[in-house]
Protein backbone atom coordinates (compact mmCIF):
# COMPACT_ATOMS: atom_id res chain seq x y z
CA MET A 1 -18.99 25.28 -15.56
CA GLN A 2 -21.64 25.16 -12.76
CA TYR A 3 -22.45 21.82 -10.94
CA LYS A 4 -25.44 20.00 -9.92
CA ILE A 5 -25.99 19.33 -6.18
CA VAL A 6 -28.34 16.61 -5.32
CA ASN A 7 -29.83 16.70 -1.61
CA THR A 8 -31.10 13.90 0.03
CA ARG A 9 -34.90 14.14 1.72
CA THR A 10 -32.99 14.35 5.08
CA ALA A 11 -31.00 17.15 3.84
CA ASP A 12 -34.15 18.91 2.47
CA GLU A 13 -35.82 18.13 5.89
CA ASN A 14 -32.87 19.56 7.78
CA LEU A 15 -32.84 22.73 5.48
CA VAL A 16 -36.29 23.45 5.88
CA GLU A 17 -36.09 23.04 9.69
CA LEU A 18 -33.02 25.38 9.71
CA ALA A 19 -35.14 28.26 7.46
CA LEU A 20 -38.00 28.38 10.26
CA HIS A 21 -35.73 28.20 13.28
CA ASP A 22 -32.76 29.79 12.26
CA PRO A 23 -32.89 32.17 9.41
CA LYS A 24 -29.69 33.56 9.24
CA ALA A 25 -27.87 30.04 9.39
CA PHE A 26 -30.16 29.20 6.40
CA LYS A 27 -28.99 32.07 4.58
CA ASN A 28 -25.32 30.99 5.15
CA ALA A 29 -26.09 27.43 4.08
CA GLN A 30 -27.74 28.50 1.11
CA LEU A 31 -24.66 30.52 0.13
CA LEU A 32 -22.39 27.76 0.83
CA ILE A 33 -24.49 25.57 -1.52
CA GLU A 34 -24.18 28.19 -4.18
CA GLU A 35 -20.44 28.50 -3.90
CA LEU A 36 -20.22 24.65 -4.21
CA LYS A 37 -22.14 24.98 -7.44
CA GLU A 38 -19.28 26.97 -8.78
CA HIS A 39 -16.50 25.85 -7.29
CA PRO A 40 -16.61 22.27 -5.46
CA ARG A 41 -13.09 21.79 -4.57
CA THR A 42 -12.19 25.06 -3.26
CA GLY A 43 -13.77 27.91 -1.14
CA THR A 44 -15.16 28.45 2.21
CA GLY A 45 -15.33 25.53 4.53
CA LYS A 46 -12.56 23.57 3.12
CA PRO A 47 -14.78 21.31 0.85
CA GLU A 48 -13.18 17.71 0.61
CA LEU A 49 -14.03 14.51 -1.63
CA LEU A 50 -16.14 11.84 0.59
CA SER A 51 -14.08 8.63 1.23
CA ALA A 52 -17.13 6.64 0.69
CA TYR A 53 -16.73 7.20 -3.03
CA GLY A 54 -13.28 6.17 -3.41
CA HIS A 55 -11.72 9.41 -4.36
CA TYR A 56 -9.01 9.38 -2.24
CA ASP A 57 -6.85 6.83 -0.37
CA ASP A 58 -7.44 6.15 3.28
CA LYS A 59 -4.10 6.42 5.13
């Protein structure tokens, strides 16, 4: 199953800036985004659910 990632306008603008000024970092960001589509709860960078969406308890 592949998940859909929806970027905010700010995220898109930041990715464009990254592509223009640091192509290597942009490529790494793209790889992380692709990885998150396949495995959003595991993988590189220790992904976690956002507390703003109430998916885990704030202790």
